[in-house]
Amino acid sequence: MNSIRSLSALLVLLVVGLSGTASAGSLNVGDMAPNFVLSASDGNSYDLAFFKNKRAVVIAWFPKAYTSGCTIECKSLAENGHLIRKYDVAYFMASVDSVEDNTGFAKENRADFPLLSDPEGVTAAAYGVLSEGGYAQRQTFYIGIDGRILKIDSAVVPETSAQDIVDNLEALEIAPLNPGP
């Protein structure tokens, strides 16, 4: 299974590289975010293009369901999601785990947000987070209403992940839904 995933990711890198589109690892702030349609832990499929009505989309890539750092990050987002939901954003965690694994992981951690699954690693490769070992590297992408990358956070701290997302939204001047006086 890992060899199929690695081969799929290699083919994606080759195709993306030959097409002249941003290759894995070369995404920068201001670049168009690669579109995706991915299945999620809530039974739905999500298409990045669907969220053009949101001020931002936040995608928190994580390495592997049921591992300690990923569990801590998922719990941070689950327990503090109310802070993020104060903003007009869609937010997700995403990995190359199967939908079944992410569904169980989301349930175990009481995640009230979708966990996206990219088992072939195609989207992870397009975002430049697919490691040589076939896992997603822990990075959080902030995508603006125009589909451009606003920020790439490569220094994610699992324990403070939810508050860090809020801090980044504020720094990016994404206004809360109901700003106070």
N, C-alpha and C. Protein backbone atom coordinates (compact mmCIF):
# COMPACT_ATOMS: atom_id res chain seq x y z
N MET A 1 0.83 -1.19 0.00
CA MET A 1 0.00 0.00 0.00
C MET A 1 0.88 1.26 0.00
N ASN A 2 1.94 1.27 0.85
CA ASN A 2 2.83 2.42 0.90
C ASN A 2 3.54 2.63 -0.43
N SER A 3 3.89 1.52 -1.11
CA SER A 3 4.57 1.67 -2.40
C SER A 3 3.63 2.25 -3.45
N ILE A 4 2.34 1.90 -3.39
CA ILE A 4 1.36 2.48 -4.31
C ILE A 4 1.20 3.96 -4.01
N ARG A 5 1.11 4.31 -2.73
CA ARG A 5 0.99 5.72 -2.33
C ARG A 5 2.22 6.50 -2.79
N SER A 6 3.41 5.93 -2.59
CA SER A 6 4.64 6.61 -2.99
C SER A 6 4.71 6.77 -4.50
N LEU A 7 4.29 5.74 -5.24
CA LEU A 7 4.29 5.82 -6.69
C LEU A 7 3.30 6.88 -7.17
N SER A 8 2.12 6.92 -6.56
CA SER A 8 1.13 7.94 -6.92
C SER A 8 1.68 9.34 -6.68
N ALA A 9 2.32 9.51 -5.53
CA ALA A 9 2.87 10.83 -5.20
C ALA A 9 3.98 11.21 -6.18
N LEU A 10 4.83 10.25 -6.55
CA LEU A 10 5.89 10.51 -7.50
C LEU A 10 5.32 10.91 -8.85
N LEU A 11 4.28 10.22 -9.30
CA LEU A 11 3.64 10.58 -10.57
C LEU A 11 3.05 11.98 -10.51
N VAL A 12 2.45 12.34 -9.38
CA VAL A 12 1.90 13.70 -9.23
C VAL A 12 3.01 14.72 -9.33
N LEU A 13 4.11 14.47 -8.63
CA LEU A 13 5.23 15.41 -8.67
C LEU A 13 5.76 15.56 -10.09
N LEU A 14 5.86 14.47 -10.81
CA LEU A 14 6.34 14.51 -12.18
C LEU A 14 5.39 15.29 -13.07
N VAL A 15 4.10 14.99 -12.99
CA VAL A 15 3.11 15.69 -13.82
C VAL A 15 3.06 17.17 -13.48
N VAL A 16 3.03 17.49 -12.17
CA VAL A 16 2.99 18.89 -11.77
C VAL A 16 4.24 19.61 -12.22
N GLY A 17 5.37 18.96 -12.07
CA GLY A 17 6.63 19.57 -12.50
C GLY A 17 6.68 19.81 -13.99
N LEU A 18 6.19 18.88 -14.79
CA LEU A 18 6.22 19.03 -16.24
C LEU A 18 5.20 20.05 -16.73
N SER A 19 4.15 20.28 -15.97
CA SER A 19 3.11 21.19 -16.43
C SER A 19 3.47 22.64 -16.20
N GLY A 20 4.54 22.89 -15.46
CA GLY A 20 4.94 24.26 -15.20
C GLY A 20 4.20 24.88 -14.03
N THR A 21 3.32 24.13 -13.40
CA THR A 21 2.61 24.60 -12.22
C THR A 21 3.55 24.49 -11.03
N ALA A 22 3.25 25.20 -9.97
CA ALA A 22 4.10 25.15 -8.79
C ALA A 22 4.29 23.71 -8.35
N SER A 23 5.52 23.28 -8.23
CA SER A 23 5.79 21.91 -7.82
C SER A 23 5.81 21.82 -6.31
N ALA A 24 5.74 20.61 -5.81
CA ALA A 24 5.69 20.39 -4.38
C ALA A 24 6.84 21.09 -3.69
N GLY A 25 6.55 21.71 -2.57
CA GLY A 25 7.57 22.39 -1.81
C GLY A 25 7.85 23.80 -2.29
N SER A 26 7.25 24.20 -3.39
CA SER A 26 7.55 25.53 -3.92
C SER A 26 6.38 26.49 -3.77
N LEU A 27 5.36 26.13 -3.02
CA LEU A 27 4.25 27.05 -2.81
C LEU A 27 4.71 28.18 -1.90
N ASN A 28 4.29 29.38 -2.23
CA ASN A 28 4.65 30.55 -1.46
C ASN A 28 3.42 31.39 -1.21
N VAL A 29 3.54 32.29 -0.25
CA VAL A 29 2.48 33.25 -0.01
C VAL A 29 2.24 34.01 -1.31
N GLY A 30 0.98 34.14 -1.69
CA GLY A 30 0.60 34.82 -2.92
C GLY A 30 0.30 33.87 -4.06
N ASP A 31 0.77 32.62 -3.96
CA ASP A 31 0.47 31.62 -5.00
C ASP A 31 -0.98 31.19 -4.88
N MET A 32 -1.54 30.75 -6.01
CA MET A 32 -2.87 30.14 -5.98
C MET A 32 -2.77 28.80 -5.26
N ALA A 33 -3.69 28.56 -4.35
CA ALA A 33 -3.71 27.29 -3.64
C ALA A 33 -4.21 26.20 -4.58
N PRO A 34 -3.57 25.04 -4.59
CA PRO A 34 -4.06 23.94 -5.42
C PRO A 34 -5.48 23.55 -5.00
N ASN A 35 -6.36 23.42 -5.96
CA ASN A 35 -7.72 22.99 -5.65
C ASN A 35 -7.70 21.52 -5.25
N PHE A 36 -8.72 21.09 -4.56
CA PHE A 36 -8.84 19.69 -4.17
C PHE A 36 -10.31 19.36 -4.00
N VAL A 37 -10.61 18.09 -4.10
CA VAL A 37 -11.89 17.53 -3.70
C VAL A 37 -11.51 16.30 -2.89
N LEU A 38 -11.75 16.36 -1.58
CA LEU A 38 -11.34 15.29 -0.69
C LEU A 38 -12.50 14.83 0.18
N SER A 39 -12.53 13.54 0.45
CA SER A 39 -13.52 12.97 1.36
C SER A 39 -13.11 13.29 2.79
N ALA A 40 -14.12 13.38 3.65
CA ALA A 40 -13.83 13.78 5.02
C ALA A 40 -14.48 12.87 6.05
N SER A 41 -14.07 13.06 7.29
CA SER A 41 -14.52 12.25 8.41
C SER A 41 -16.01 12.39 8.69
N ASP A 42 -16.64 13.44 8.19
CA ASP A 42 -18.08 13.64 8.43
C ASP A 42 -18.95 13.03 7.34
N GLY A 43 -18.33 12.30 6.42
CA GLY A 43 -19.08 11.64 5.34
C GLY A 43 -19.28 12.50 4.11
N ASN A 44 -18.83 13.74 4.14
CA ASN A 44 -18.95 14.64 2.99
C ASN A 44 -17.65 14.73 2.23
N SER A 45 -17.74 15.28 1.03
CA SER A 45 -16.56 15.62 0.24
C SER A 45 -16.46 17.13 0.19
N TYR A 46 -15.24 17.63 0.24
CA TYR A 46 -15.01 19.07 0.25
C TYR A 46 -14.15 19.48 -0.93
N ASP A 47 -14.60 20.54 -1.59
CA ASP A 47 -13.94 21.12 -2.75
C ASP A 47 -13.50 22.52 -2.35
N LEU A 48 -12.22 22.81 -2.44
CA LEU A 48 -11.72 24.13 -2.05
C LEU A 48 -12.49 25.24 -2.76
N ALA A 49 -12.82 25.05 -4.03
CA ALA A 49 -13.50 26.07 -4.81
C ALA A 49 -14.87 26.41 -4.23
N PHE A 50 -15.45 25.52 -3.45
CA PHE A 50 -16.76 25.75 -2.86
C PHE A 50 -16.75 26.86 -1.81
N PHE A 51 -15.58 27.17 -1.25
CA PHE A 51 -15.49 28.09 -0.12
C PHE A 51 -15.13 29.51 -0.50
N LYS A 52 -15.41 29.90 -1.73
CA LYS A 52 -15.10 31.26 -2.16
C LYS A 52 -15.90 32.31 -1.42
N ASN A 53 -16.94 31.91 -0.72
CA ASN A 53 -17.74 32.86 0.05
C ASN A 53 -17.19 33.07 1.46
N LYS A 54 -16.16 32.33 1.84
CA LYS A 54 -15.55 32.46 3.16
C LYS A 54 -14.37 33.44 3.08
N ARG A 55 -14.11 34.12 4.17
CA ARG A 55 -12.99 35.06 4.20
C ARG A 55 -11.65 34.32 4.09
N ALA A 56 -11.63 33.07 4.56
CA ALA A 56 -10.41 32.27 4.48
C ALA A 56 -10.76 30.80 4.68
N VAL A 57 -9.85 29.96 4.20
CA VAL A 57 -9.90 28.53 4.44
C VAL A 57 -8.58 28.17 5.12
N VAL A 58 -8.68 27.41 6.19
CA VAL A 58 -7.50 26.99 6.95
C VAL A 58 -7.39 25.48 6.83
N ILE A 59 -6.25 25.01 6.35
CA ILE A 59 -6.00 23.57 6.23
C ILE A 59 -4.77 23.22 7.05
N ALA A 60 -4.99 22.46 8.13
CA ALA A 60 -3.91 22.05 9.02
C ALA A 60 -3.51 20.62 8.67
N TRP A 61 -2.43 20.47 7.90
CA TRP A 61 -1.94 19.14 7.54
C TRP A 61 -1.28 18.52 8.76
N PHE A 62 -1.53 17.22 8.96
CA PHE A 62 -0.93 16.50 10.08
C PHE A 62 -0.40 15.16 9.60
N PRO A 63 0.64 14.63 10.26
CA PRO A 63 1.30 13.40 9.78
C PRO A 63 0.49 12.12 9.85
N LYS A 64 -0.11 11.79 10.99
CA LYS A 64 -0.70 10.45 11.12
C LYS A 64 -1.72 10.42 12.26
N ALA A 65 -2.90 9.95 11.94
CA ALA A 65 -3.95 9.78 12.95
C ALA A 65 -3.47 8.85 14.05
N TYR A 66 -3.92 9.10 15.25
CA TYR A 66 -3.67 8.30 16.45
C TYR A 66 -2.25 8.43 16.99
N THR A 67 -1.43 9.33 16.46
CA THR A 67 -0.10 9.54 17.04
C THR A 67 -0.20 10.68 18.04
N SER A 68 0.78 10.78 18.93
CA SER A 68 0.65 11.71 20.07
C SER A 68 0.52 13.17 19.65
N GLY A 69 1.41 13.69 18.83
CA GLY A 69 1.34 15.09 18.43
C GLY A 69 0.08 15.41 17.66
N CYS A 70 -0.36 14.51 16.82
CA CYS A 70 -1.57 14.72 16.03
C CYS A 70 -2.81 14.67 16.92
N THR A 71 -2.79 13.80 17.92
CA THR A 71 -3.89 13.74 18.88
C THR A 71 -3.98 15.05 19.66
N ILE A 72 -2.85 15.56 20.10
CA ILE A 72 -2.82 16.83 20.83
C ILE A 72 -3.35 17.96 19.96
N GLU A 73 -2.93 18.01 18.69
CA GLU A 73 -3.40 19.06 17.79
C GLU A 73 -4.90 18.96 17.55
N CYS A 74 -5.38 17.75 17.31
CA CYS A 74 -6.81 17.54 17.06
C CYS A 74 -7.63 17.95 18.29
N LYS A 75 -7.16 17.59 19.47
CA LYS A 75 -7.87 17.97 20.70
C LYS A 75 -7.86 19.47 20.89
N SER A 76 -6.76 20.14 20.55
CA SER A 76 -6.69 21.59 20.66
C SER A 76 -7.77 22.24 19.79
N LEU A 77 -7.89 21.76 18.56
CA LEU A 77 -8.90 22.31 17.65
C LEU A 77 -10.31 21.94 18.09
N ALA A 78 -10.50 20.73 18.61
CA ALA A 78 -11.83 20.30 19.04
C ALA A 78 -12.28 21.06 20.30
N GLU A 79 -11.38 21.22 21.24
CA GLU A 79 -11.73 21.87 22.50
C GLU A 79 -11.83 23.39 22.38
N ASN A 80 -11.17 23.96 21.38
CA ASN A 80 -11.13 25.41 21.23
C ASN A 80 -11.65 25.89 19.88
N GLY A 81 -12.39 25.04 19.21
CA GLY A 81 -12.94 25.40 17.90
C GLY A 81 -13.86 26.60 17.96
N HIS A 82 -14.49 26.82 19.11
CA HIS A 82 -15.38 27.99 19.26
C HIS A 82 -14.62 29.29 19.01
N LEU A 83 -13.33 29.30 19.29
CA LEU A 83 -12.53 30.50 19.03
C LEU A 83 -12.37 30.74 17.53
N ILE A 84 -12.18 29.66 16.79
CA ILE A 84 -12.00 29.77 15.33
C ILE A 84 -13.32 30.10 14.66
N ARG A 85 -14.40 29.51 15.16
CA ARG A 85 -15.71 29.73 14.55
C ARG A 85 -16.23 31.16 14.71
N LYS A 86 -15.52 31.98 15.46
CA LYS A 86 -15.88 33.40 15.56
C LYS A 86 -15.54 34.14 14.26
N TYR A 87 -14.82 33.46 13.37
CA TYR A 87 -14.38 34.05 12.10
C TYR A 87 -15.13 33.38 10.95
N ASP A 88 -15.27 34.10 9.86
CA ASP A 88 -15.94 33.58 8.67
C ASP A 88 -14.94 32.75 7.86
N VAL A 89 -14.57 31.62 8.44
CA VAL A 89 -13.59 30.74 7.80
C VAL A 89 -14.09 29.30 7.82
N ALA A 90 -13.57 28.52 6.91
CA ALA A 90 -13.74 27.06 6.95
C ALA A 90 -12.39 26.52 7.41
N TYR A 91 -12.40 25.55 8.33
CA TYR A 91 -11.13 24.99 8.76
C TYR A 91 -11.21 23.46 8.81
N PHE A 92 -10.07 22.87 8.51
CA PHE A 92 -9.95 21.42 8.40
C PHE A 92 -8.60 20.98 8.92
N MET A 93 -8.52 19.74 9.36
CA MET A 93 -7.25 19.04 9.47
C MET A 93 -7.23 18.12 8.25
N ALA A 94 -6.04 17.79 7.76
CA ALA A 94 -5.91 16.94 6.58
C ALA A 94 -4.68 16.05 6.71
N SER A 95 -4.82 14.82 6.21
CA SER A 95 -3.69 13.89 6.24
C SER A 95 -3.82 12.92 5.06
N VAL A 96 -2.84 12.05 4.94
CA VAL A 96 -2.88 11.02 3.90
C VAL A 96 -3.46 9.72 4.46
N ASP A 97 -4.05 9.79 5.64
CA ASP A 97 -4.73 8.63 6.22
C ASP A 97 -6.01 8.34 5.45
N SER A 98 -6.51 7.13 5.59
CA SER A 98 -7.77 6.75 4.95
C SER A 98 -8.93 7.48 5.62
N VAL A 99 -10.04 7.55 4.92
CA VAL A 99 -11.24 8.16 5.48
C VAL A 99 -11.65 7.40 6.74
N GLU A 100 -11.55 6.08 6.72
CA GLU A 100 -11.92 5.27 7.88
C GLU A 100 -11.05 5.63 9.10
N ASP A 101 -9.74 5.75 8.89
CA ASP A 101 -8.85 6.12 10.00
C ASP A 101 -9.18 7.51 10.52
N ASN A 102 -9.37 8.47 9.61
CA ASN A 102 -9.66 9.83 10.06
C ASN A 102 -11.03 9.94 10.72
N THR A 103 -11.98 9.12 10.28
CA THR A 103 -13.31 9.12 10.91
C THR A 103 -13.21 8.63 12.35
N GLY A 104 -12.51 7.54 12.57
CA GLY A 104 -12.32 7.02 13.92
C GLY A 104 -11.53 7.99 14.78
N PHE A 105 -10.50 8.59 14.21
CA PHE A 105 -9.66 9.55 14.92
C PHE A 105 -10.48 10.78 15.32
N ALA A 106 -11.30 11.27 14.40
CA ALA A 106 -12.16 12.43 14.69
C ALA A 106 -13.15 12.10 15.80
N LYS A 107 -13.73 10.92 15.72
CA LYS A 107 -14.71 10.51 16.75
C LYS A 107 -14.04 10.38 18.11
N GLU A 108 -12.90 9.73 18.14
CA GLU A 108 -12.17 9.53 19.40
C GLU A 108 -11.80 10.86 20.06
N ASN A 109 -11.51 11.87 19.25
CA ASN A 109 -11.09 13.17 19.78
C ASN A 109 -12.20 14.21 19.80
N ARG A 110 -13.42 13.75 19.51
CA ARG A 110 -14.60 14.62 19.51
C ARG A 110 -14.41 15.85 18.63
N ALA A 111 -13.80 15.63 17.47
CA ALA A 111 -13.59 16.73 16.52
C ALA A 111 -14.94 17.15 15.92
N ASP A 112 -15.24 18.41 16.05
CA ASP A 112 -16.50 18.93 15.49
C ASP A 112 -16.24 19.70 14.20
N PHE A 113 -15.21 19.30 13.51
CA PHE A 113 -14.81 19.86 12.22
C PHE A 113 -14.33 18.69 11.37
N PRO A 114 -14.33 18.84 10.04
CA PRO A 114 -13.95 17.71 9.19
C PRO A 114 -12.43 17.47 9.14
N LEU A 115 -12.08 16.20 9.10
CA LEU A 115 -10.71 15.79 8.82
C LEU A 115 -10.70 15.25 7.39
N LEU A 116 -9.92 15.90 6.54
CA LEU A 116 -9.85 15.52 5.13
C LEU A 116 -8.88 14.37 4.94
N SER A 117 -9.21 13.47 4.02
CA SER A 117 -8.37 12.31 3.73
C SER A 117 -7.86 12.36 2.31
N ASP A 118 -6.56 12.18 2.17
CA ASP A 118 -5.87 12.19 0.88
C ASP A 118 -4.98 10.94 0.81
N PRO A 119 -5.60 9.75 0.79
CA PRO A 119 -4.81 8.51 0.91
C PRO A 119 -3.80 8.28 -0.22
N GLU A 120 -4.02 8.85 -1.38
CA GLU A 120 -3.04 8.70 -2.45
C GLU A 120 -1.93 9.75 -2.37
N GLY A 121 -2.13 10.77 -1.54
CA GLY A 121 -1.11 11.80 -1.36
C GLY A 121 -1.04 12.82 -2.48
N VAL A 122 -2.02 12.83 -3.36
CA VAL A 122 -2.00 13.74 -4.52
C VAL A 122 -2.09 15.20 -4.06
N THR A 123 -3.03 15.50 -3.19
CA THR A 123 -3.19 16.87 -2.72
C THR A 123 -2.03 17.26 -1.81
N ALA A 124 -1.61 16.35 -0.96
CA ALA A 124 -0.46 16.63 -0.08
C ALA A 124 0.77 16.97 -0.93
N ALA A 125 0.98 16.25 -2.02
CA ALA A 125 2.11 16.54 -2.91
C ALA A 125 1.94 17.91 -3.56
N ALA A 126 0.73 18.23 -3.98
CA ALA A 126 0.48 19.53 -4.61
C ALA A 126 0.75 20.67 -3.63
N TYR A 127 0.48 20.44 -2.34
CA TYR A 127 0.74 21.46 -1.32
C TYR A 127 2.18 21.43 -0.82
N GLY A 128 2.96 20.45 -1.28
CA GLY A 128 4.36 20.38 -0.89
C GLY A 128 4.59 19.85 0.51
N VAL A 129 3.62 19.12 1.06
CA VAL A 129 3.76 18.61 2.43
C VAL A 129 3.99 17.10 2.48
N LEU A 130 4.00 16.42 1.34
CA LEU A 130 4.18 14.97 1.34
C LEU A 130 5.65 14.65 1.57
N SER A 131 5.92 13.94 2.65
CA SER A 131 7.30 13.58 2.99
C SER A 131 7.74 12.37 2.18
N GLU A 132 9.04 12.13 2.19
CA GLU A 132 9.57 10.95 1.50
C GLU A 132 9.04 9.67 2.12
N GLY A 133 8.67 9.72 3.40
CA GLY A 133 8.13 8.56 4.08
C GLY A 133 6.65 8.33 3.80
N GLY A 134 6.04 9.21 3.00
CA GLY A 134 4.64 9.04 2.64
C GLY A 134 3.65 9.67 3.60
N TYR A 135 4.13 10.45 4.56
CA TYR A 135 3.25 11.14 5.50
C TYR A 135 3.20 12.63 5.14
N ALA A 136 2.17 13.29 5.61
CA ALA A 136 2.09 14.73 5.44
C ALA A 136 2.92 15.40 6.53
N GLN A 137 3.66 16.42 6.16
CA GLN A 137 4.38 17.22 7.14
C GLN A 137 3.39 18.17 7.82
N ARG A 138 3.62 18.45 9.08
CA ARG A 138 2.72 19.31 9.84
C ARG A 138 2.94 20.77 9.39
N GLN A 139 1.97 21.28 8.63
CA GLN A 139 1.97 22.67 8.18
C GLN A 139 0.52 23.13 8.08
N THR A 140 0.31 24.41 8.34
CA THR A 140 -1.04 24.96 8.23
C THR A 140 -1.04 26.04 7.16
N PHE A 141 -2.00 25.91 6.23
CA PHE A 141 -2.15 26.84 5.12
C PHE A 141 -3.38 27.72 5.35
N TYR A 142 -3.21 29.00 5.11
CA TYR A 142 -4.29 29.98 5.19
C TYR A 142 -4.53 30.47 3.76
N ILE A 143 -5.74 30.27 3.27
CA ILE A 143 -6.08 30.58 1.88
C ILE A 143 -7.15 31.65 1.88
N GLY A 144 -6.92 32.72 1.11
CA GLY A 144 -7.84 33.84 1.06
C GLY A 144 -9.02 33.61 0.16
N ILE A 145 -9.93 34.57 0.18
CA ILE A 145 -11.16 34.50 -0.59
C ILE A 145 -10.90 34.40 -2.10
N ASP A 146 -9.75 34.91 -2.54
CA ASP A 146 -9.39 34.86 -3.95
C ASP A 146 -8.66 33.57 -4.33
N GLY A 147 -8.50 32.65 -3.36
CA GLY A 147 -7.84 31.37 -3.62
C GLY A 147 -6.33 31.43 -3.50
N ARG A 148 -5.80 32.57 -3.11
CA ARG A 148 -4.34 32.71 -2.94
C ARG A 148 -3.93 32.38 -1.50
N ILE A 149 -2.73 31.86 -1.40
CA ILE A 149 -2.19 31.51 -0.09
C ILE A 149 -1.81 32.79 0.64
N LEU A 150 -2.38 32.97 1.83
CA LEU A 150 -2.11 34.14 2.65
C LEU A 150 -0.94 33.91 3.60
N LYS A 151 -0.81 32.67 4.07
CA LYS A 151 0.24 32.33 5.04
C LYS A 151 0.45 30.83 5.03
N ILE A 152 1.70 30.43 5.24
CA ILE A 152 2.05 29.02 5.45
C ILE A 152 2.77 28.96 6.79
N ASP A 153 2.18 28.25 7.74
CA ASP A 153 2.78 28.10 9.05
C ASP A 153 3.46 26.74 9.11
N SER A 154 4.80 26.77 9.12
CA SER A 154 5.58 25.53 9.18
C SER A 154 6.08 25.24 10.59
N ALA A 155 5.72 26.10 11.53
CA ALA A 155 6.17 25.93 12.92
C ALA A 155 4.96 25.70 13.83
N VAL A 156 4.10 24.78 13.43
CA VAL A 156 2.87 24.50 14.19
C VAL A 156 3.21 23.85 15.53
N VAL A 157 2.60 24.37 16.58
CA VAL A 157 2.74 23.80 17.92
C VAL A 157 1.41 23.11 18.23
N PRO A 158 1.39 21.78 18.28
CA PRO A 158 0.13 21.06 18.46
C PRO A 158 -0.70 21.53 19.65
N GLU A 159 -0.06 21.78 20.79
CA GLU A 159 -0.78 22.15 22.00
C GLU A 159 -1.55 23.47 21.87
N THR A 160 -1.03 24.39 21.10
CA THR A 160 -1.63 25.73 20.99
C THR A 160 -2.20 25.98 19.60
N SER A 161 -2.43 24.94 18.87
CA SER A 161 -2.84 25.04 17.48
C SER A 161 -4.08 25.92 17.26
N ALA A 162 -5.12 25.74 18.06
CA ALA A 162 -6.35 26.53 17.87
C ALA A 162 -6.09 28.01 18.11
N GLN A 163 -5.42 28.33 19.22
CA GLN A 163 -5.13 29.74 19.52
C GLN A 163 -4.19 30.32 18.47
N ASP A 164 -3.25 29.53 17.99
CA ASP A 164 -2.33 30.00 16.95
C ASP A 164 -3.08 30.33 15.66
N ILE A 165 -4.08 29.51 15.33
CA ILE A 165 -4.89 29.80 14.14
C ILE A 165 -5.61 31.13 14.33
N VAL A 166 -6.20 31.34 15.49
CA VAL A 166 -6.88 32.60 15.77
C VAL A 166 -5.90 33.77 15.67
N ASP A 167 -4.72 33.62 16.27
CA ASP A 167 -3.71 34.68 16.22
C ASP A 167 -3.31 34.98 14.78
N ASN A 168 -3.18 33.94 13.97
CA ASN A 168 -2.82 34.15 12.57
C ASN A 168 -3.95 34.82 11.79
N LEU A 169 -5.19 34.43 12.08
CA LEU A 169 -6.33 35.08 11.42
C LEU A 169 -6.35 36.57 11.76
N GLU A 170 -6.10 36.88 13.01
CA GLU A 170 -6.05 38.30 13.42
C GLU A 170 -4.90 39.02 12.73
N ALA A 171 -3.73 38.40 12.67
CA ALA A 171 -2.58 39.02 12.01
C ALA A 171 -2.83 39.23 10.52
N LEU A 172 -3.63 38.34 9.93
CA LEU A 172 -3.97 38.47 8.50
C LEU A 172 -5.14 39.44 8.30
N GLU A 173 -5.62 40.02 9.39
CA GLU A 173 -6.73 40.98 9.38
C GLU A 173 -8.03 40.38 8.84
N ILE A 174 -8.26 39.10 9.22
CA ILE A 174 -9.54 38.46 8.94
C ILE A 174 -10.46 38.86 10.10
N ALA A 175 -11.45 39.66 9.81
CA ALA A 175 -12.31 40.19 10.85
C ALA A 175 -13.20 39.10 11.43
N PRO A 176 -13.46 39.16 12.74
CA PRO A 176 -14.43 38.24 13.33
C PRO A 176 -15.83 38.49 12.76
N LEU A 177 -16.69 37.48 12.84
CA LEU A 177 -18.05 37.62 12.34
C LEU A 177 -18.81 38.75 13.02
N ASN A 178 -18.70 38.83 14.34
CA ASN A 178 -19.37 39.88 15.13
C ASN A 178 -18.35 40.62 15.95
N PRO A 179 -17.61 41.55 15.32
CA PRO A 179 -16.57 42.23 16.08
C PRO A 179 -17.17 43.03 17.23
N GLY A 180 -16.48 43.02 18.33
CA GLY A 180 -16.94 43.74 19.51
C GLY A 180 -16.75 45.24 19.36
N PRO A 181 -17.25 45.99 20.35
CA PRO A 181 -17.16 47.46 20.29
C PRO A 181 -15.74 47.96 20.38
